[in-house]
Protein backbone atom coordinates (compact mmCIF):
# COMPACT_ATOMS: atom_id res chain seq x y z
CA MET A 1 0.17 0.03 0.38
CA ARG A 2 2.53 2.40 1.18
CA VAL A 3 4.86 1.45 -2.29
CA LEU A 4 1.55 2.20 -4.16
CA VAL A 5 0.63 6.16 -1.89
CA LEU A 6 4.54 6.47 -3.30
CA LEU A 7 4.32 5.97 -6.88
CA ALA A 8 0.82 8.06 -6.88
CA ILE A 9 3.29 10.96 -5.35
CA PHE A 10 5.44 10.31 -7.86
CA GLY A 11 3.86 10.45 -10.57
CA LEU A 12 2.05 14.02 -9.35
CA PHE A 13 5.28 15.83 -9.43
CA SER A 14 6.55 14.29 -12.15
CA CYS A 15 3.93 15.55 -13.86
CA SER A 16 3.84 19.47 -12.06
CA GLN A 17 7.79 19.45 -13.01
CA ARG A 18 6.77 18.73 -16.98
CA GLU A 19 4.59 21.41 -17.10
CA VAL A 20 6.30 23.91 -15.34
CA SER A 21 9.25 22.26 -17.69
CA THR A 22 7.45 23.07 -21.64
CA THR A 23 5.73 26.74 -20.04
CA VAL A 24 7.66 29.42 -22.40
CA THR A 25 7.65 33.29 -20.93
CA GLU A 26 7.00 35.83 -24.48
CA ALA A 27 8.85 38.33 -25.18
CA ASP A 28 6.63 41.85 -25.32
CA PRO A 29 6.42 43.82 -28.15
CA LEU A 30 7.94 46.58 -29.20
CA ILE A 31 6.17 49.29 -28.77
CA PHE A 32 6.74 53.46 -29.78
CA GLY A 33 5.16 56.34 -27.63
CA LEU A 34 7.27 60.33 -27.33
CA ASP A 35 8.51 62.01 -24.54
CA SER A 36 9.34 65.56 -24.00
CA LEU A 37 11.25 68.27 -22.88
CA LYS A 38 11.25 71.95 -22.65
CA GLN A 39 13.20 74.81 -20.52
CA GLU A 40 13.21 78.06 -21.10
CA LYS A 41 16.01 81.05 -18.84
CA CYS A 42 15.60 84.41 -19.74
CA VAL A 43 18.36 87.75 -18.37
CA GLY A 44 16.17 91.13 -19.53
CA GLU A 45 14.44 90.49 -23.05
CA LYS A 46 16.28 87.95 -24.06
CA CYS A 47 15.80 84.29 -23.77
CA ALA A 48 17.43 80.01 -24.05
CA THR A 49 15.30 77.78 -25.67
CA LEU A 50 15.63 73.98 -25.38
CA ARG A 51 12.86 71.63 -26.29
CA ILE A 52 14.09 67.90 -26.80
CA VAL A 53 11.08 65.60 -27.78
CA TRP A 54 12.83 61.50 -29.06
CA PRO A 55 11.55 58.49 -29.95
CA VAL A 56 10.52 56.06 -26.81
CA ALA A 57 10.55 52.32 -26.92
CA LYS A 58 9.22 49.96 -24.69
CA GLY A 59 8.90 46.08 -24.64
CA ASP A 60 11.92 43.40 -25.46
CA ASN A 61 15.40 45.27 -26.39
CA SER A 62 14.33 48.63 -25.48
CA GLU A 63 17.36 49.32 -23.05
CA LYS A 64 19.33 49.07 -26.13
CA ILE A 65 17.41 51.18 -28.56
CA ASN A 66 16.38 53.90 -26.12
CA GLN A 67 20.32 53.94 -25.19
CA LEU A 68 21.03 54.49 -28.57
CA VAL A 69 18.14 57.77 -28.75
CA TYR A 70 19.58 59.11 -25.28
CA GLU A 71 23.42 59.26 -27.28
CA GLU A 72 21.96 60.65 -30.15
CA VAL A 73 19.91 63.13 -28.59
CA ASN A 74 22.83 64.20 -26.29
CA ASN A 75 25.47 64.73 -29.75
CA PHE A 76 22.39 68.22 -30.85
CA MET A 77 23.36 70.07 -27.78
CA MET A 78 27.44 69.13 -27.22
CA TYR A 79 29.12 72.47 -27.70
CA GLY A 80 32.94 72.92 -27.37
CA GLU A 81 35.71 70.22 -27.58
CA ASP A 82 34.12 68.06 -24.48
CA ILE A 83 32.34 64.96 -24.27
CA ILE A 84 29.82 65.23 -22.23
CA THR A 85 27.81 62.22 -21.82
CA SER A 86 25.31 63.30 -19.47
CA ARG A 87 22.27 64.85 -20.17
CA ASP A 88 21.72 66.86 -17.04
CA THR A 89 25.34 68.54 -17.44
CA LEU A 90 24.74 69.84 -21.29
CA ILE A 91 21.29 71.18 -20.32
CA THR A 92 22.76 73.32 -16.35
CA GLY A 93 26.39 73.97 -19.41
CA TYR A 94 23.85 75.49 -22.00
CA PHE A 95 22.25 77.90 -19.45
CA GLU A 96 25.28 78.92 -18.29
CA LEU A 97 27.18 79.95 -21.55
CA PHE A 98 23.32 81.65 -22.13
CA GLU A 99 23.74 83.44 -19.09
CA GLU A 100 28.21 84.08 -19.28
CA GLN A 101 26.62 85.56 -22.82
CA ARG A 102 24.58 88.04 -22.19
CA ARG A 103 26.53 89.04 -18.66
CA GLU A 104 29.61 89.75 -21.34
CA PHE A 105 27.71 91.42 -24.32
CA PRO A 106 24.48 92.23 -22.50
CA ASP A 107 23.41 94.39 -26.08
CA ALA A 108 23.96 91.11 -28.23
CA PRO A 109 21.03 91.26 -30.62
CA TRP A 110 20.11 87.44 -30.13
CA GLY A 111 19.00 84.49 -27.94
CA TYR A 112 19.74 80.98 -27.53
CA GLU A 113 17.71 78.09 -29.11
CA ILE A 114 17.96 74.26 -29.41
CA ASP A 115 14.94 72.44 -31.09
CA VAL A 116 15.53 68.86 -31.43
CA GLU A 117 12.52 66.56 -32.99
CA GLY A 118 12.48 62.31 -33.02
CA GLU A 119 9.91 60.31 -34.41
CA LEU A 120 9.93 57.06 -34.85
CA ALA A 121 10.19 56.47 -38.93
CA TYR A 122 9.70 52.90 -39.98
CA GLU A 123 9.64 49.85 -38.60
CA SER A 124 9.26 46.31 -40.00
CA ASP A 125 9.70 43.05 -39.20
CA SER A 126 13.89 43.10 -39.25
CA THR A 127 14.80 47.18 -38.75
CA VAL A 128 13.83 50.32 -37.36
CA SER A 129 14.03 53.86 -39.01
CA LEU A 130 14.28 56.19 -36.23
CA HIS A 131 14.80 59.77 -38.01
CA PHE A 132 15.58 63.50 -36.06
CA ARG A 133 15.73 67.09 -37.39
CA TRP A 134 17.20 69.43 -34.63
CA MET A 135 18.45 73.33 -35.44
CA THR A 136 20.69 74.87 -32.51
CA PHE A 137 21.54 78.95 -33.08
CA MET A 138 24.47 80.19 -29.91
CA GLY A 139 24.61 83.39 -31.57
CA GLY A 140 26.60 84.11 -34.96
CA ALA A 141 25.30 84.81 -39.10
CA HIS A 142 22.38 81.85 -38.99
CA PRO A 143 21.03 78.73 -37.18
CA ASN A 144 22.72 75.15 -38.19
CA HIS A 145 20.35 72.16 -38.58
CA GLY A 146 20.22 69.30 -39.78
CA GLU A 147 18.71 65.57 -39.37
CA SER A 148 19.56 62.46 -39.05
CA PHE A 149 17.99 59.17 -39.00
CA VAL A 150 19.33 56.53 -36.25
CA ASN A 151 18.31 52.84 -37.94
CA VAL A 152 18.12 49.83 -35.42
CA ASP A 153 18.22 45.73 -35.72
CA ARG A 154 14.68 44.76 -34.34
CA VAL A 155 15.93 41.77 -33.19
CA SER A 156 18.28 42.45 -30.95
CA GLY A 157 18.00 46.11 -30.55
CA GLU A 158 21.91 46.78 -32.19
CA PHE A 159 22.90 49.82 -34.05
CA LEU A 160 22.66 48.82 -38.09
CA SER A 161 25.71 50.06 -39.43
CA ILE A 162 26.40 51.61 -43.17
CA ASP A 163 27.58 47.89 -44.18
CA ARG A 164 25.17 46.09 -42.44
CA LEU A 165 22.49 48.15 -43.53
CA ILE A 166 23.95 48.77 -47.23
CA ARG A 167 24.21 45.34 -49.23
CA ASP A 168 26.46 47.03 -51.84
CA GLU A 169 27.43 50.64 -51.23
CA GLU A 170 29.60 51.13 -54.55
CA LYS A 171 26.43 50.42 -56.22
CA LEU A 172 24.03 52.80 -53.92
CA LYS A 173 26.03 55.79 -54.67
CA LEU A 174 26.10 55.39 -58.24
CA LEU A 175 21.95 55.18 -57.72
CA ALA A 176 22.74 57.89 -55.86
CA GLU A 177 24.80 60.02 -57.82
CA GLN A 178 22.46 59.97 -61.12
CA LYS A 179 19.90 60.98 -58.40
CA PHE A 180 21.60 63.82 -57.42
CA ARG A 181 22.37 65.29 -60.23
CA GLU A 182 18.71 64.88 -61.01
CA PHE A 183 17.75 66.70 -58.07
CA HIS A 184 20.22 69.34 -58.83
CA GLU A 185 19.04 69.42 -62.72
CA VAL A 186 22.98 69.02 -63.92
CA ALA A 187 23.62 69.19 -67.16
CA GLU A 188 24.34 65.82 -69.22
CA GLY A 189 27.61 65.29 -69.48
CA THR A 190 28.83 68.36 -67.23
CA LYS A 191 30.78 65.79 -64.22
CA LEU A 192 30.27 67.24 -60.84
CA GLU A 193 33.37 68.16 -59.89
CA GLU A 194 33.50 70.51 -63.16
CA ASP A 195 29.67 72.54 -61.57
CA GLY A 196 30.87 74.24 -58.75
CA ARG A 197 28.48 74.02 -56.70
CA PHE A 198 29.15 71.27 -54.98
CA PHE A 199 32.03 70.63 -51.75
CA LEU A 200 33.60 67.26 -53.06
CA PRO A 201 36.72 65.53 -52.02
CA GLU A 202 39.42 64.46 -54.18
CA THR A 203 37.07 61.18 -53.72
CA GLY A 204 34.68 62.28 -55.60
CA PHE A 205 31.01 61.66 -54.73
CA PHE A 206 30.08 60.15 -51.84
CA LEU A 207 27.29 59.09 -49.66
CA ALA A 208 25.61 60.91 -47.22
CA ASN A 209 25.48 60.73 -43.43
CA ALA A 210 21.96 60.12 -42.94
CA MET A 211 20.47 57.40 -44.26
CA GLY A 212 17.11 55.52 -43.59
CA PHE A 213 13.62 54.64 -43.28
CA GLN A 214 10.91 57.22 -43.75
CA GLU A 215 7.00 56.65 -44.99
CA GLY A 216 8.18 53.22 -46.62
CA LYS A 217 10.74 54.29 -48.63
CA PHE A 218 15.34 54.42 -48.73
CA TRP A 219 16.41 58.24 -48.32
CA ILE A 220 19.38 60.14 -48.46
CA VAL A 221 19.71 63.25 -46.42
CA TYR A 222 22.06 65.79 -47.46
CA VAL A 223 22.15 68.67 -44.88
CA PRO A 224 24.37 72.19 -45.90
CA TYR A 225 27.07 72.41 -45.81
CA GLU A 226 28.27 68.69 -46.54
CA ILE A 227 27.94 68.45 -49.90
CA GLY A 228 27.64 71.77 -51.05
CA PRO A 229 26.90 76.10 -48.91
CA TYR A 230 24.43 76.41 -46.39
CA ALA A 231 22.46 78.04 -49.73
CA MET A 232 21.89 75.02 -51.62
CA GLY A 233 20.09 73.82 -48.10
CA TYR A 234 19.27 69.89 -47.83
CA THR A 235 19.73 67.80 -50.77
CA HIS A 236 16.44 64.74 -50.63
CA LEU A 237 17.27 61.34 -52.33
CA GLU A 238 14.30 59.11 -51.87
CA PHE A 239 14.37 55.50 -53.31
CA SER A 240 11.63 53.07 -53.40
CA LYS A 241 11.45 49.22 -52.74
CA GLU A 242 11.06 49.14 -56.05
CA GLU A 243 14.42 50.74 -57.83
CA LEU A 244 16.74 50.01 -55.06
CA GLY A 245 15.37 45.82 -53.82
CA ASP A 246 17.61 43.97 -51.98
CA LEU A 247 19.85 46.30 -52.01
CA VAL A 248 19.39 47.76 -48.88
CA ARG A 249 18.15 46.18 -45.64
CA TRP A 250 14.41 46.47 -46.00
């Protein structure tokens, strides 16, 4: 009788163990929202303003993605030659620099402004693109502004470097140069180096720093001063999936 009881208990315990071992915890789905920060400090009639809007990931690998966003936003607020990784330190230094400028140049006709806006621009089963527009003005002839992308592996949360984002850089460069010529209406038969409007190294045409996905297309964005004078503004080159095929990682 005792043997039968022990076998019954062992059987229940074994079933319980098997049930626990087959339970699999699913990862939380990756979703995105927005967070923002706005501060202002005035000295007399002139003010320094700071406005930041950035995407926030929640779910699987969100910590890695949010750290990439944190670093990207901090880059837009960098000033001087020192590398500062703390956002609080950057913000404090920004307003202190403004107050110092007002003390030294009380009649300066400008304030300070930093404006950064980020958003989720594209997501697929494998790739996420976060797009940023930024503008800074801390005195001078005109503001500095630009655009950038943070491209992320959706599965691992890791940053996608150019060699992981683009499968054939040289072929993409040829297609981009053709579209660049069309965008700026470069005369047929005229080399870009001979046109006189563009800033080109000895190696010739190059891909922009800002590349990523938006509105279901792949974008290459040249910001002011990158390939031409400030007055030229931005050069936005867009490519459909039909144009590029598997040349880039959709």
